[in-house]
Amino acid sequence: MSRITLPLLTGLIGTAILVWLGTWQLQRLEWKQGILSQIESRIGGDPAPLPAIGNPEADRYQPVQLTGTIEPQELFVLVSQKRIGAGYLVISPFVTEDGRRILVDRGFIPVEDRSIARDGGAKDITGNLHWPDDRTSSTPENDITGNTWFARDIDAMSDVLNTEPLLVIARNMSPADPGVTPLPVDTSGIPNDHLQYAITWFSLAVVWLVGTIALVWRLRQTKEG
């Protein structure tokens, strides 16, 4: 076996594996785009009645239209908005016309507006059911006593506000909620990094192939010399 055969085979096999990984990521990208398209269609679909018992899988992103009353209690979830900075999501109990008590994410307020009184009362709300996955391994525990939350933990919030463990994230509210900026459900928070991964694998394939060609050329030069 020639001394360039093994490096050449190693280089070609490595390049083929890296190209396969890049191609697989492109296939995953197409799959993820299809999923995101389905989610966006569901988010903007026709409103449905509140489910009797919410199912995080079947009912996630389901549009709903509610008429009822926002009660005065508020929970504050610390978040940050681009180009705005720190602030809070305001979570309040909402009592529907038929007497159900659920949670409503009213939207975003700046930190300095926490102490400002907000209008509650009768509201018509269009929004989406959601079970947010805000908590990571680095998320602090909620300061329930001080009413500063670091994740929208639906079960804990429903216990504090005496509601069903159902959260509707408001898209539109009538009358409007002055000083509160709705942050409707969308797909921006769903990671879709497959294109970057594909570019990385294809770039590594090019580097690996170029390195293989350079090594084989040097070996041939040495042999001829």
N, C-alpha and C. Protein backbone atom coordinates (compact mmCIF):
# COMPACT_ATOMS: atom_id res chain seq x y z
N MET A 1 0.85 -1.20 0.00
CA MET A 1 0.00 0.00 0.00
C MET A 1 0.88 1.25 0.00
N SER A 2 0.59 2.18 -0.90
CA SER A 2 1.35 3.42 -0.96
C SER A 2 1.15 4.21 0.32
N ARG A 3 2.19 4.98 0.71
CA ARG A 3 2.08 5.72 1.96
C ARG A 3 1.09 6.88 1.87
N ILE A 4 0.65 7.20 0.66
CA ILE A 4 -0.37 8.26 0.56
C ILE A 4 -1.77 7.69 0.56
N THR A 5 -1.89 6.36 0.45
CA THR A 5 -3.23 5.76 0.35
C THR A 5 -4.04 5.96 1.62
N LEU A 6 -3.42 5.66 2.78
CA LEU A 6 -4.16 5.79 4.05
C LEU A 6 -4.58 7.23 4.33
N PRO A 7 -3.68 8.24 4.23
CA PRO A 7 -4.13 9.62 4.43
C PRO A 7 -5.21 10.04 3.44
N LEU A 8 -5.10 9.56 2.19
CA LEU A 8 -6.09 9.92 1.19
C LEU A 8 -7.46 9.33 1.54
N LEU A 9 -7.47 8.04 1.91
CA LEU A 9 -8.74 7.40 2.28
C LEU A 9 -9.33 8.07 3.52
N THR A 10 -8.48 8.34 4.51
CA THR A 10 -8.96 9.00 5.74
C THR A 10 -9.57 10.36 5.41
N GLY A 11 -8.88 11.09 4.55
CA GLY A 11 -9.39 12.41 4.18
C GLY A 11 -10.71 12.34 3.44
N LEU A 12 -10.83 11.41 2.49
CA LEU A 12 -12.07 11.31 1.71
C LEU A 12 -13.23 10.81 2.57
N ILE A 13 -12.94 9.84 3.44
CA ILE A 13 -14.01 9.35 4.32
C ILE A 13 -14.45 10.44 5.30
N GLY A 14 -13.49 11.15 5.87
CA GLY A 14 -13.85 12.25 6.78
C GLY A 14 -14.66 13.32 6.09
N THR A 15 -14.25 13.68 4.86
CA THR A 15 -15.00 14.68 4.09
C THR A 15 -16.42 14.20 3.82
N ALA A 16 -16.55 12.93 3.45
CA ALA A 16 -17.89 12.38 3.16
C ALA A 16 -18.77 12.42 4.39
N ILE A 17 -18.21 12.09 5.55
CA ILE A 17 -18.99 12.12 6.79
C ILE A 17 -19.45 13.54 7.10
N LEU A 18 -18.55 14.51 6.95
CA LEU A 18 -18.90 15.90 7.24
C LEU A 18 -19.95 16.42 6.26
N VAL A 19 -19.84 16.05 4.99
CA VAL A 19 -20.86 16.44 4.01
C VAL A 19 -22.20 15.81 4.36
N TRP A 20 -22.18 14.56 4.80
CA TRP A 20 -23.43 13.89 5.20
C TRP A 20 -24.07 14.60 6.38
N LEU A 21 -23.25 15.00 7.36
CA LEU A 21 -23.80 15.72 8.51
C LEU A 21 -24.42 17.05 8.09
N GLY A 22 -23.75 17.76 7.17
CA GLY A 22 -24.31 19.02 6.69
C GLY A 22 -25.62 18.80 5.95
N THR A 23 -25.68 17.75 5.13
CA THR A 23 -26.90 17.44 4.39
C THR A 23 -28.03 17.07 5.35
N TRP A 24 -27.70 16.31 6.39
CA TRP A 24 -28.70 15.95 7.40
C TRP A 24 -29.25 17.18 8.10
N GLN A 25 -28.39 18.15 8.38
CA GLN A 25 -28.87 19.39 9.01
C GLN A 25 -29.79 20.17 8.07
N LEU A 26 -29.51 20.14 6.77
CA LEU A 26 -30.42 20.79 5.82
C LEU A 26 -31.78 20.10 5.80
N GLN A 27 -31.78 18.77 5.93
CA GLN A 27 -33.04 18.05 6.01
C GLN A 27 -33.79 18.42 7.29
N ARG A 28 -33.04 18.54 8.40
CA ARG A 28 -33.65 18.97 9.66
C ARG A 28 -34.19 20.39 9.55
N LEU A 29 -33.49 21.25 8.81
CA LEU A 29 -33.96 22.62 8.61
C LEU A 29 -35.31 22.61 7.90
N GLU A 30 -35.43 21.81 6.85
CA GLU A 30 -36.71 21.73 6.12
C GLU A 30 -37.81 21.22 7.04
N TRP A 31 -37.49 20.22 7.85
CA TRP A 31 -38.48 19.68 8.80
C TRP A 31 -38.90 20.75 9.81
N LYS A 32 -37.92 21.48 10.38
CA LYS A 32 -38.23 22.49 11.39
C LYS A 32 -39.05 23.62 10.79
N GLN A 33 -38.74 24.03 9.56
CA GLN A 33 -39.52 25.09 8.92
C GLN A 33 -40.96 24.66 8.72
N GLY A 34 -41.17 23.37 8.42
CA GLY A 34 -42.53 22.87 8.31
C GLY A 34 -43.26 22.92 9.63
N ILE A 35 -42.57 22.55 10.72
CA ILE A 35 -43.17 22.61 12.05
C ILE A 35 -43.52 24.04 12.42
N LEU A 36 -42.59 24.97 12.18
CA LEU A 36 -42.84 26.38 12.51
C LEU A 36 -44.01 26.93 11.70
N SER A 37 -44.11 26.53 10.44
CA SER A 37 -45.23 26.97 9.62
C SER A 37 -46.55 26.47 10.19
N GLN A 38 -46.58 25.24 10.65
CA GLN A 38 -47.79 24.69 11.26
C GLN A 38 -48.15 25.45 12.53
N ILE A 39 -47.14 25.77 13.34
CA ILE A 39 -47.39 26.51 14.58
C ILE A 39 -47.93 27.90 14.27
N GLU A 40 -47.32 28.58 13.30
CA GLU A 40 -47.79 29.92 12.94
C GLU A 40 -49.23 29.89 12.44
N SER A 41 -49.58 28.86 11.67
CA SER A 41 -50.95 28.72 11.20
C SER A 41 -51.90 28.51 12.36
N ARG A 42 -51.47 27.72 13.34
CA ARG A 42 -52.32 27.47 14.51
C ARG A 42 -52.48 28.73 15.34
N ILE A 43 -51.38 29.46 15.55
CA ILE A 43 -51.44 30.68 16.35
C ILE A 43 -52.46 31.66 15.77
N GLY A 44 -52.47 31.80 14.45
CA GLY A 44 -53.37 32.76 13.80
C GLY A 44 -54.70 32.17 13.39
N GLY A 45 -55.03 30.98 13.86
CA GLY A 45 -56.26 30.31 13.45
C GLY A 45 -57.50 30.88 14.12
N ASP A 46 -58.62 30.22 13.90
CA ASP A 46 -59.90 30.66 14.46
C ASP A 46 -59.94 30.37 15.95
N PRO A 47 -60.44 31.33 16.77
CA PRO A 47 -60.55 31.09 18.21
C PRO A 47 -61.51 29.94 18.52
N ALA A 48 -61.22 29.27 19.61
CA ALA A 48 -62.06 28.16 20.08
C ALA A 48 -62.38 28.41 21.55
N PRO A 49 -63.41 27.76 22.09
CA PRO A 49 -63.72 27.89 23.51
C PRO A 49 -62.58 27.33 24.37
N LEU A 50 -62.50 27.81 25.60
CA LEU A 50 -61.53 27.25 26.52
C LEU A 50 -61.78 25.76 26.71
N PRO A 51 -60.73 24.95 26.67
CA PRO A 51 -60.94 23.52 26.94
C PRO A 51 -61.32 23.31 28.40
N ALA A 52 -62.10 22.26 28.65
CA ALA A 52 -62.49 21.95 30.03
C ALA A 52 -61.26 21.68 30.88
N ILE A 53 -60.31 20.93 30.35
CA ILE A 53 -59.03 20.66 31.01
C ILE A 53 -57.95 20.85 29.95
N GLY A 54 -57.07 21.81 30.16
CA GLY A 54 -56.06 22.10 29.15
C GLY A 54 -55.04 20.99 29.01
N ASN A 55 -54.69 20.69 27.78
CA ASN A 55 -53.68 19.69 27.46
C ASN A 55 -52.48 20.41 26.85
N PRO A 56 -51.32 20.40 27.51
CA PRO A 56 -50.17 21.15 26.99
C PRO A 56 -49.74 20.74 25.60
N GLU A 57 -50.03 19.52 25.19
CA GLU A 57 -49.66 19.08 23.85
C GLU A 57 -50.73 19.43 22.82
N ALA A 58 -51.97 19.07 23.12
CA ALA A 58 -53.06 19.26 22.15
C ALA A 58 -53.51 20.71 22.05
N ASP A 59 -53.41 21.46 23.15
CA ASP A 59 -53.99 22.81 23.18
C ASP A 59 -52.97 23.93 23.12
N ARG A 60 -51.69 23.60 23.07
CA ARG A 60 -50.68 24.66 23.01
C ARG A 60 -50.87 25.52 21.77
N TYR A 61 -50.84 26.84 21.95
CA TYR A 61 -51.00 27.86 20.92
C TYR A 61 -52.45 28.02 20.44
N GLN A 62 -53.39 27.28 21.01
CA GLN A 62 -54.78 27.38 20.56
C GLN A 62 -55.31 28.81 20.75
N PRO A 63 -55.80 29.46 19.69
CA PRO A 63 -56.40 30.79 19.84
C PRO A 63 -57.71 30.69 20.62
N VAL A 64 -57.94 31.67 21.49
CA VAL A 64 -59.18 31.75 22.25
C VAL A 64 -59.65 33.19 22.28
N GLN A 65 -60.95 33.35 22.46
CA GLN A 65 -61.54 34.68 22.60
C GLN A 65 -62.35 34.67 23.89
N LEU A 66 -62.05 35.62 24.78
CA LEU A 66 -62.63 35.60 26.12
C LEU A 66 -63.35 36.91 26.41
N THR A 67 -64.42 36.81 27.14
CA THR A 67 -65.10 37.97 27.69
C THR A 67 -65.24 37.75 29.19
N GLY A 68 -64.85 38.76 29.96
CA GLY A 68 -64.92 38.61 31.40
C GLY A 68 -64.27 39.78 32.10
N THR A 69 -63.67 39.51 33.25
CA THR A 69 -63.15 40.58 34.10
C THR A 69 -61.74 40.26 34.56
N ILE A 70 -60.83 41.23 34.41
CA ILE A 70 -59.50 41.12 34.99
C ILE A 70 -59.58 41.59 36.44
N GLU A 71 -59.17 40.75 37.35
CA GLU A 71 -59.17 41.12 38.76
C GLU A 71 -57.88 41.85 39.11
N PRO A 72 -57.85 42.57 40.25
CA PRO A 72 -56.75 43.49 40.51
C PRO A 72 -55.39 42.86 40.83
N GLN A 73 -55.36 41.60 41.25
CA GLN A 73 -54.06 41.02 41.62
C GLN A 73 -53.13 40.95 40.41
N GLU A 74 -51.83 41.10 40.69
CA GLU A 74 -50.83 41.03 39.63
C GLU A 74 -49.60 40.27 40.12
N LEU A 75 -49.09 39.41 39.25
CA LEU A 75 -47.79 38.79 39.48
C LEU A 75 -46.83 39.34 38.44
N PHE A 76 -45.56 39.54 38.85
CA PHE A 76 -44.58 40.20 37.98
C PHE A 76 -43.45 39.23 37.64
N VAL A 77 -43.29 38.99 36.35
CA VAL A 77 -42.24 38.08 35.87
C VAL A 77 -41.13 38.93 35.26
N LEU A 78 -39.93 38.86 35.85
CA LEU A 78 -38.82 39.67 35.37
C LEU A 78 -38.30 39.15 34.04
N VAL A 79 -38.27 40.03 33.03
CA VAL A 79 -37.80 39.68 31.69
C VAL A 79 -37.01 40.85 31.14
N SER A 80 -36.47 40.68 29.95
CA SER A 80 -35.75 41.76 29.28
C SER A 80 -36.17 41.82 27.83
N GLN A 81 -36.36 43.04 27.33
CA GLN A 81 -36.75 43.26 25.95
C GLN A 81 -35.64 43.98 25.20
N LYS A 82 -35.38 43.54 23.96
CA LYS A 82 -34.37 44.20 23.14
C LYS A 82 -34.72 45.66 22.95
N ARG A 83 -33.68 46.50 23.04
CA ARG A 83 -33.78 47.95 22.83
C ARG A 83 -34.66 48.64 23.88
N ILE A 84 -35.13 47.89 24.88
CA ILE A 84 -35.92 48.48 25.95
C ILE A 84 -35.27 48.24 27.30
N GLY A 85 -34.84 47.01 27.52
CA GLY A 85 -34.21 46.68 28.78
C GLY A 85 -35.11 45.85 29.67
N ALA A 86 -34.83 45.91 30.96
CA ALA A 86 -35.54 45.07 31.92
C ALA A 86 -36.97 45.56 32.12
N GLY A 87 -37.82 44.62 32.46
CA GLY A 87 -39.21 44.94 32.75
C GLY A 87 -39.90 43.70 33.27
N TYR A 88 -41.22 43.76 33.29
CA TYR A 88 -42.00 42.65 33.83
C TYR A 88 -43.12 42.26 32.88
N LEU A 89 -43.41 40.98 32.85
CA LEU A 89 -44.68 40.51 32.32
C LEU A 89 -45.69 40.55 33.46
N VAL A 90 -46.88 41.04 33.17
CA VAL A 90 -47.91 41.17 34.19
C VAL A 90 -48.92 40.03 34.02
N ILE A 91 -49.03 39.20 35.04
CA ILE A 91 -49.96 38.07 35.04
C ILE A 91 -51.07 38.36 36.03
N SER A 92 -52.32 38.28 35.58
CA SER A 92 -53.47 38.57 36.44
C SER A 92 -54.51 37.46 36.32
N PRO A 93 -55.37 37.34 37.34
CA PRO A 93 -56.49 36.40 37.21
C PRO A 93 -57.58 37.01 36.34
N PHE A 94 -58.22 36.17 35.55
CA PHE A 94 -59.29 36.60 34.66
C PHE A 94 -60.49 35.70 34.92
N VAL A 95 -61.65 36.31 35.19
CA VAL A 95 -62.88 35.57 35.45
C VAL A 95 -63.76 35.66 34.20
N THR A 96 -64.02 34.53 33.59
CA THR A 96 -64.82 34.51 32.36
C THR A 96 -66.31 34.69 32.67
N GLU A 97 -67.08 34.91 31.63
CA GLU A 97 -68.52 35.10 31.80
C GLU A 97 -69.19 33.92 32.50
N ASP A 98 -68.67 32.72 32.27
CA ASP A 98 -69.29 31.55 32.89
C ASP A 98 -68.63 31.18 34.22
N GLY A 99 -67.81 32.10 34.76
CA GLY A 99 -67.30 31.94 36.12
C GLY A 99 -65.98 31.20 36.26
N ARG A 100 -65.31 30.90 35.18
CA ARG A 100 -64.01 30.24 35.29
C ARG A 100 -62.92 31.25 35.58
N ARG A 101 -61.99 30.87 36.44
CA ARG A 101 -60.87 31.73 36.79
C ARG A 101 -59.60 31.16 36.16
N ILE A 102 -58.97 31.94 35.29
CA ILE A 102 -57.75 31.51 34.62
C ILE A 102 -56.70 32.61 34.74
N LEU A 103 -55.52 32.32 34.25
CA LEU A 103 -54.43 33.30 34.23
C LEU A 103 -54.37 33.99 32.87
N VAL A 104 -54.08 35.29 32.90
CA VAL A 104 -53.87 36.03 31.66
C VAL A 104 -52.54 36.77 31.74
N ASP A 105 -51.70 36.53 30.73
CA ASP A 105 -50.46 37.29 30.56
C ASP A 105 -50.82 38.55 29.78
N ARG A 106 -50.87 39.67 30.49
CA ARG A 106 -51.35 40.92 29.88
C ARG A 106 -50.31 41.57 28.98
N GLY A 107 -49.03 41.31 29.24
CA GLY A 107 -47.97 41.90 28.43
C GLY A 107 -46.85 42.48 29.27
N PHE A 108 -46.09 43.39 28.67
CA PHE A 108 -44.84 43.90 29.22
C PHE A 108 -44.99 45.32 29.74
N ILE A 109 -44.34 45.56 30.91
CA ILE A 109 -44.22 46.92 31.44
C ILE A 109 -42.77 47.17 31.80
N PRO A 110 -42.27 48.41 31.70
CA PRO A 110 -40.92 48.72 32.16
C PRO A 110 -40.83 48.56 33.69
N VAL A 111 -39.61 48.36 34.18
CA VAL A 111 -39.40 48.18 35.61
C VAL A 111 -40.01 49.31 36.42
N GLU A 112 -39.83 50.54 35.96
CA GLU A 112 -40.29 51.70 36.74
C GLU A 112 -41.80 51.82 36.80
N ASP A 113 -42.52 51.05 35.99
CA ASP A 113 -43.99 51.15 35.99
C ASP A 113 -44.65 50.11 36.89
N ARG A 114 -43.85 49.37 37.61
CA ARG A 114 -44.42 48.29 38.43
C ARG A 114 -45.45 48.82 39.43
N SER A 115 -45.19 49.95 40.03
CA SER A 115 -46.07 50.46 41.08
C SER A 115 -47.26 51.24 40.55
N ILE A 116 -47.32 51.47 39.24
CA ILE A 116 -48.43 52.22 38.66
C ILE A 116 -49.68 51.35 38.61
N ALA A 117 -50.82 51.92 39.02
CA ALA A 117 -52.08 51.17 38.98
C ALA A 117 -52.51 50.98 37.53
N ARG A 118 -52.94 49.76 37.21
CA ARG A 118 -53.40 49.43 35.86
C ARG A 118 -54.89 49.14 35.88
N ASP A 119 -55.53 49.44 34.74
CA ASP A 119 -56.96 49.19 34.63
C ASP A 119 -57.24 47.70 34.55
N GLY A 120 -58.14 47.25 35.37
CA GLY A 120 -58.65 45.89 35.25
C GLY A 120 -60.07 45.97 34.70
N GLY A 121 -60.98 45.28 35.34
CA GLY A 121 -62.37 45.38 34.96
C GLY A 121 -62.72 44.55 33.75
N ALA A 122 -63.86 44.91 33.16
CA ALA A 122 -64.41 44.13 32.04
C ALA A 122 -63.52 44.26 30.81
N LYS A 123 -63.22 43.11 30.19
CA LYS A 123 -62.35 43.09 29.02
C LYS A 123 -62.81 42.01 28.04
N ASP A 124 -62.59 42.28 26.77
CA ASP A 124 -62.64 41.26 25.73
C ASP A 124 -61.20 40.98 25.33
N ILE A 125 -60.81 39.73 25.40
CA ILE A 125 -59.42 39.37 25.14
C ILE A 125 -59.35 38.32 24.04
N THR A 126 -58.46 38.57 23.09
CA THR A 126 -58.09 37.55 22.10
C THR A 126 -56.65 37.17 22.38
N GLY A 127 -56.39 35.88 22.48
CA GLY A 127 -55.04 35.44 22.78
C GLY A 127 -54.85 33.97 22.47
N ASN A 128 -53.82 33.41 23.04
CA ASN A 128 -53.48 32.01 22.78
C ASN A 128 -53.17 31.29 24.08
N LEU A 129 -53.68 30.08 24.20
CA LEU A 129 -53.27 29.23 25.30
C LEU A 129 -51.80 28.88 25.15
N HIS A 130 -51.10 28.85 26.29
CA HIS A 130 -49.68 28.52 26.19
C HIS A 130 -49.21 27.93 27.51
N TRP A 131 -48.22 27.07 27.40
CA TRP A 131 -47.51 26.51 28.55
C TRP A 131 -46.04 26.85 28.36
N PRO A 132 -45.62 28.07 28.76
CA PRO A 132 -44.26 28.52 28.46
C PRO A 132 -43.21 27.65 29.16
N ASP A 133 -42.09 27.50 28.48
CA ASP A 133 -40.96 26.76 29.03
C ASP A 133 -39.86 27.78 29.34
N ASP A 134 -40.09 28.60 30.37
CA ASP A 134 -39.18 29.69 30.69
C ASP A 134 -37.99 29.25 31.53
N ARG A 135 -38.13 28.15 32.24
CA ARG A 135 -37.14 27.79 33.24
C ARG A 135 -36.00 26.97 32.63
N THR A 136 -34.77 27.36 32.96
CA THR A 136 -33.58 26.59 32.58
C THR A 136 -32.82 26.26 33.86
N SER A 137 -31.69 25.58 33.69
CA SER A 137 -30.90 25.19 34.86
C SER A 137 -30.34 26.40 35.61
N SER A 138 -30.25 27.55 34.93
CA SER A 138 -29.70 28.75 35.57
C SER A 138 -30.77 29.72 36.06
N THR A 139 -32.04 29.39 35.89
CA THR A 139 -33.11 30.28 36.31
C THR A 139 -33.25 30.27 37.83
N PRO A 140 -33.21 31.44 38.47
CA PRO A 140 -33.37 31.47 39.94
C PRO A 140 -34.77 31.00 40.35
N GLU A 141 -34.89 30.64 41.62
CA GLU A 141 -36.19 30.31 42.16
C GLU A 141 -37.03 31.58 42.28
N ASN A 142 -38.32 31.44 42.07
CA ASN A 142 -39.21 32.59 42.17
C ASN A 142 -39.25 33.14 43.59
N ASP A 143 -39.26 34.46 43.70
CA ASP A 143 -39.44 35.12 45.00
C ASP A 143 -40.93 35.39 45.16
N ILE A 144 -41.64 34.38 45.62
CA ILE A 144 -43.10 34.49 45.70
C ILE A 144 -43.50 35.53 46.73
N THR A 145 -42.80 35.57 47.86
CA THR A 145 -43.13 36.54 48.91
C THR A 145 -42.93 37.97 48.40
N GLY A 146 -41.84 38.21 47.69
CA GLY A 146 -41.58 39.55 47.16
C GLY A 146 -42.24 39.81 45.82
N ASN A 147 -42.99 38.82 45.30
CA ASN A 147 -43.70 38.95 44.03
C ASN A 147 -42.78 39.33 42.88
N THR A 148 -41.66 38.63 42.81
CA THR A 148 -40.78 38.73 41.64
C THR A 148 -40.55 37.31 41.15
N TRP A 149 -41.06 37.05 39.97
CA TRP A 149 -40.97 35.72 39.38
C TRP A 149 -39.93 35.73 38.27
N PHE A 150 -39.29 34.61 38.09
CA PHE A 150 -38.26 34.50 37.05
C PHE A 150 -38.68 33.53 35.94
N ALA A 151 -39.83 32.93 36.09
CA ALA A 151 -40.39 32.04 35.07
C ALA A 151 -41.90 32.01 35.27
N ARG A 152 -42.60 31.79 34.16
CA ARG A 152 -44.07 31.69 34.26
C ARG A 152 -44.43 30.25 34.63
N ASP A 153 -44.31 29.96 35.91
CA ASP A 153 -44.63 28.63 36.42
C ASP A 153 -46.13 28.57 36.67
N ILE A 154 -46.84 27.98 35.74
CA ILE A 154 -48.30 28.07 35.74
C ILE A 154 -48.91 27.47 37.00
N ASP A 155 -48.44 26.32 37.42
CA ASP A 155 -49.03 25.68 38.59
C ASP A 155 -48.87 26.55 39.84
N ALA A 156 -47.67 27.07 40.05
CA ALA A 156 -47.42 27.91 41.22
C ALA A 156 -48.23 29.20 41.14
N MET A 157 -48.31 29.80 39.96
CA MET A 157 -49.07 31.04 39.82
C MET A 157 -50.56 30.81 40.05
N SER A 158 -51.07 29.71 39.56
CA SER A 158 -52.50 29.42 39.75
C SER A 158 -52.81 29.19 41.22
N ASP A 159 -51.85 28.61 41.96
CA ASP A 159 -52.05 28.44 43.41
C ASP A 159 -52.12 29.79 44.11
N VAL A 160 -51.20 30.69 43.75
CA VAL A 160 -51.15 32.00 44.39
C VAL A 160 -52.41 32.81 44.08
N LEU A 161 -52.88 32.76 42.84
CA LEU A 161 -54.02 33.59 42.42
C LEU A 161 -55.34 32.83 42.46
N ASN A 162 -55.31 31.58 42.90
CA ASN A 162 -56.53 30.79 43.04
C ASN A 162 -57.28 30.69 41.70
N THR A 163 -56.56 30.22 40.68
CA THR A 163 -57.15 30.06 39.35
C THR A 163 -56.92 28.63 38.87
N GLU A 164 -57.55 28.31 37.74
CA GLU A 164 -57.20 27.08 37.05
C GLU A 164 -55.79 27.23 36.48
N PRO A 165 -55.07 26.12 36.30
CA PRO A 165 -53.73 26.18 35.72
C PRO A 165 -53.79 26.33 34.20
N LEU A 166 -54.45 27.38 33.75
CA LEU A 166 -54.56 27.71 32.33
C LEU A 166 -54.07 29.13 32.14
N LEU A 167 -53.16 29.32 31.17
CA LEU A 167 -52.62 30.65 30.89
C LEU A 167 -52.96 31.05 29.46
N VAL A 168 -53.57 32.22 29.32
CA VAL A 168 -53.81 32.82 28.00
C VAL A 168 -52.89 34.02 27.86
N ILE A 169 -52.12 34.04 26.79
CA ILE A 169 -51.26 35.18 26.51
C ILE A 169 -52.01 36.11 25.57
N ALA A 170 -52.27 37.32 26.06
CA ALA A 170 -53.12 38.26 25.33
C ALA A 170 -52.46 38.71 24.04
N ARG A 171 -53.27 38.78 22.99
CA ARG A 171 -52.85 39.34 21.72
C ARG A 171 -53.49 40.70 21.52
N ASN A 172 -54.76 40.77 21.80
CA ASN A 172 -55.51 42.03 21.75
C ASN A 172 -56.43 42.09 22.96
N MET A 173 -56.65 43.32 23.45
CA MET A 173 -57.49 43.51 24.61
C MET A 173 -58.36 44.74 24.40
N SER A 174 -59.65 44.62 24.70
CA SER A 174 -60.57 45.74 24.55
C SER A 174 -61.48 45.82 25.79
N PRO A 175 -61.50 47.01 26.44
CA PRO A 175 -60.68 48.20 26.20
C PRO A 175 -59.19 47.88 26.38
N ALA A 176 -58.36 48.71 25.77
CA ALA A 176 -56.92 48.50 25.82
C ALA A 176 -56.41 48.60 27.25
N ASP A 177 -55.25 48.03 27.47
CA ASP A 177 -54.61 48.02 28.79
C ASP A 177 -53.52 49.09 28.78
N PRO A 178 -53.81 50.34 29.18
CA PRO A 178 -52.83 51.42 29.05
C PRO A 178 -51.53 51.10 29.78
N GLY A 179 -50.43 51.38 29.10
CA GLY A 179 -49.12 51.17 29.70
C GLY A 179 -48.59 49.76 29.61
N VAL A 180 -49.42 48.83 29.11
CA VAL A 180 -48.99 47.44 28.98
C VAL A 180 -48.87 47.10 27.50
N THR A 181 -47.72 46.59 27.11
CA THR A 181 -47.50 46.22 25.71
C THR A 181 -47.68 44.71 25.56
N PRO A 182 -48.72 44.28 24.86
CA PRO A 182 -48.90 42.83 24.67
C PRO A 182 -47.70 42.20 23.97
N LEU A 183 -47.33 41.03 24.42
CA LEU A 183 -46.28 40.25 23.76
C LEU A 183 -46.92 38.94 23.30
N PRO A 184 -47.58 38.97 22.14
CA PRO A 184 -48.31 37.77 21.69
C PRO A 184 -47.40 36.58 21.47
N VAL A 185 -47.99 35.42 21.50
CA VAL A 185 -47.26 34.19 21.20
C VAL A 185 -46.80 34.23 19.74
N ASP A 186 -45.55 33.87 19.50
CA ASP A 186 -45.06 33.70 18.13
C ASP A 186 -43.99 32.62 18.15
N THR A 187 -43.35 32.41 17.02
CA THR A 187 -42.36 31.33 16.92
C THR A 187 -40.93 31.82 17.11
N SER A 188 -40.75 33.09 17.48
CA SER A 188 -39.39 33.63 17.58
C SER A 188 -38.57 32.95 18.67
N GLY A 189 -39.24 32.43 19.69
CA GLY A 189 -38.51 31.80 20.77
C GLY A 189 -38.21 30.33 20.54
N ILE A 190 -38.63 29.80 19.41
CA ILE A 190 -38.37 28.38 19.12
C ILE A 190 -37.07 28.29 18.34
N PRO A 191 -36.05 27.63 18.88
CA PRO A 191 -34.75 27.61 18.20
C PRO A 191 -34.81 26.90 16.85
N ASN A 192 -34.11 27.48 15.89
CA ASN A 192 -34.00 26.87 14.56
C ASN A 192 -32.61 27.19 14.02
N ASP A 193 -31.62 26.45 14.53
CA ASP A 193 -30.22 26.72 14.22
C ASP A 193 -29.65 25.75 13.19
N HIS A 194 -30.51 25.03 12.50
CA HIS A 194 -30.02 23.97 11.62
C HIS A 194 -29.20 24.52 10.45
N LEU A 195 -29.54 25.72 9.94
CA LEU A 195 -28.76 26.28 8.84
C LEU A 195 -27.34 26.58 9.30
N GLN A 196 -27.20 27.16 10.50
CA GLN A 196 -25.86 27.44 11.02
C GLN A 196 -25.07 26.14 11.21
N TYR A 197 -25.75 25.11 11.71
CA TYR A 197 -25.07 23.83 11.88
C TYR A 197 -24.62 23.27 10.53
N ALA A 198 -25.50 23.38 9.52
CA ALA A 198 -25.15 22.87 8.19
C ALA A 198 -23.94 23.61 7.64
N ILE A 199 -23.93 24.93 7.76
CA ILE A 199 -22.80 25.72 7.28
C ILE A 199 -21.52 25.29 7.99
N THR A 200 -21.62 25.03 9.29
CA THR A 200 -20.45 24.61 10.06
C THR A 200 -19.90 23.28 9.54
N TRP A 201 -20.80 22.30 9.33
CA TRP A 201 -20.34 20.99 8.86
C TRP A 201 -19.75 21.08 7.45
N PHE A 202 -20.40 21.85 6.56
CA PHE A 202 -19.87 21.98 5.20
C PHE A 202 -18.52 22.70 5.21
N SER A 203 -18.38 23.70 6.08
CA SER A 203 -17.10 24.42 6.18
C SER A 203 -16.00 23.48 6.67
N LEU A 204 -16.33 22.65 7.67
CA LEU A 204 -15.35 21.67 8.15
C LEU A 204 -14.98 20.68 7.05
N ALA A 205 -15.96 20.31 6.22
CA ALA A 205 -15.68 19.39 5.11
C ALA A 205 -14.68 20.01 4.14
N VAL A 206 -14.87 21.30 3.84
CA VAL A 206 -13.94 21.98 2.93
C VAL A 206 -12.54 22.02 3.55
N VAL A 207 -12.47 22.39 4.84
CA VAL A 207 -11.16 22.45 5.52
C VAL A 207 -10.49 21.08 5.52
N TRP A 208 -11.30 20.04 5.83
CA TRP A 208 -10.75 18.68 5.88
C TRP A 208 -10.23 18.25 4.51
N LEU A 209 -10.99 18.56 3.45
CA LEU A 209 -10.58 18.18 2.10
C LEU A 209 -9.33 18.93 1.67
N VAL A 210 -9.30 20.24 1.94
CA VAL A 210 -8.12 21.03 1.58
C VAL A 210 -6.90 20.52 2.33
N GLY A 211 -7.07 20.20 3.64
CA GLY A 211 -5.97 19.66 4.42
C GLY A 211 -5.48 18.33 3.87
N THR A 212 -6.43 17.49 3.43
CA THR A 212 -6.06 16.20 2.85
C THR A 212 -5.26 16.38 1.57
N ILE A 213 -5.73 17.28 0.71
CA ILE A 213 -5.02 17.53 -0.55
C ILE A 213 -3.62 18.05 -0.28
N ALA A 214 -3.50 18.96 0.70
CA ALA A 214 -2.18 19.51 1.03
C ALA A 214 -1.25 18.42 1.56
N LEU A 215 -1.79 17.53 2.41
CA LEU A 215 -0.97 16.46 2.97
C LEU A 215 -0.51 15.49 1.88
N VAL A 216 -1.45 15.10 1.01
CA VAL A 216 -1.10 14.17 -0.08
C VAL A 216 -0.07 14.81 -1.00
N TRP A 217 -0.20 16.08 -1.30
CA TRP A 217 0.76 16.77 -2.16
C TRP A 217 2.15 16.77 -1.53
N ARG A 218 2.21 17.04 -0.22
CA ARG A 218 3.51 17.05 0.47
C ARG A 218 4.13 15.67 0.46
N LEU A 219 3.32 14.63 0.68
CA LEU A 219 3.85 13.27 0.67
C LEU A 219 4.39 12.91 -0.72
N ARG A 220 3.68 13.33 -1.76
CA ARG A 220 4.13 13.05 -3.12
C ARG A 220 5.44 13.80 -3.41
N GLN A 221 5.51 15.04 -2.95
CA GLN A 221 6.72 15.83 -3.17
C GLN A 221 7.92 15.17 -2.48
N THR A 222 7.65 14.70 -1.24
CA THR A 222 8.73 14.05 -0.48
C THR A 222 9.20 12.79 -1.20
N LYS A 223 8.21 12.00 -1.70
CA LYS A 223 8.53 10.76 -2.38
C LYS A 223 9.34 11.03 -3.65
N GLU A 224 8.92 12.05 -4.39
CA GLU A 224 9.61 12.34 -5.64
C GLU A 224 11.00 12.90 -5.38
N GLY A 225 11.13 13.60 -4.23
CA GLY A 225 12.43 14.15 -3.91
C GLY A 225 13.41 13.09 -3.46
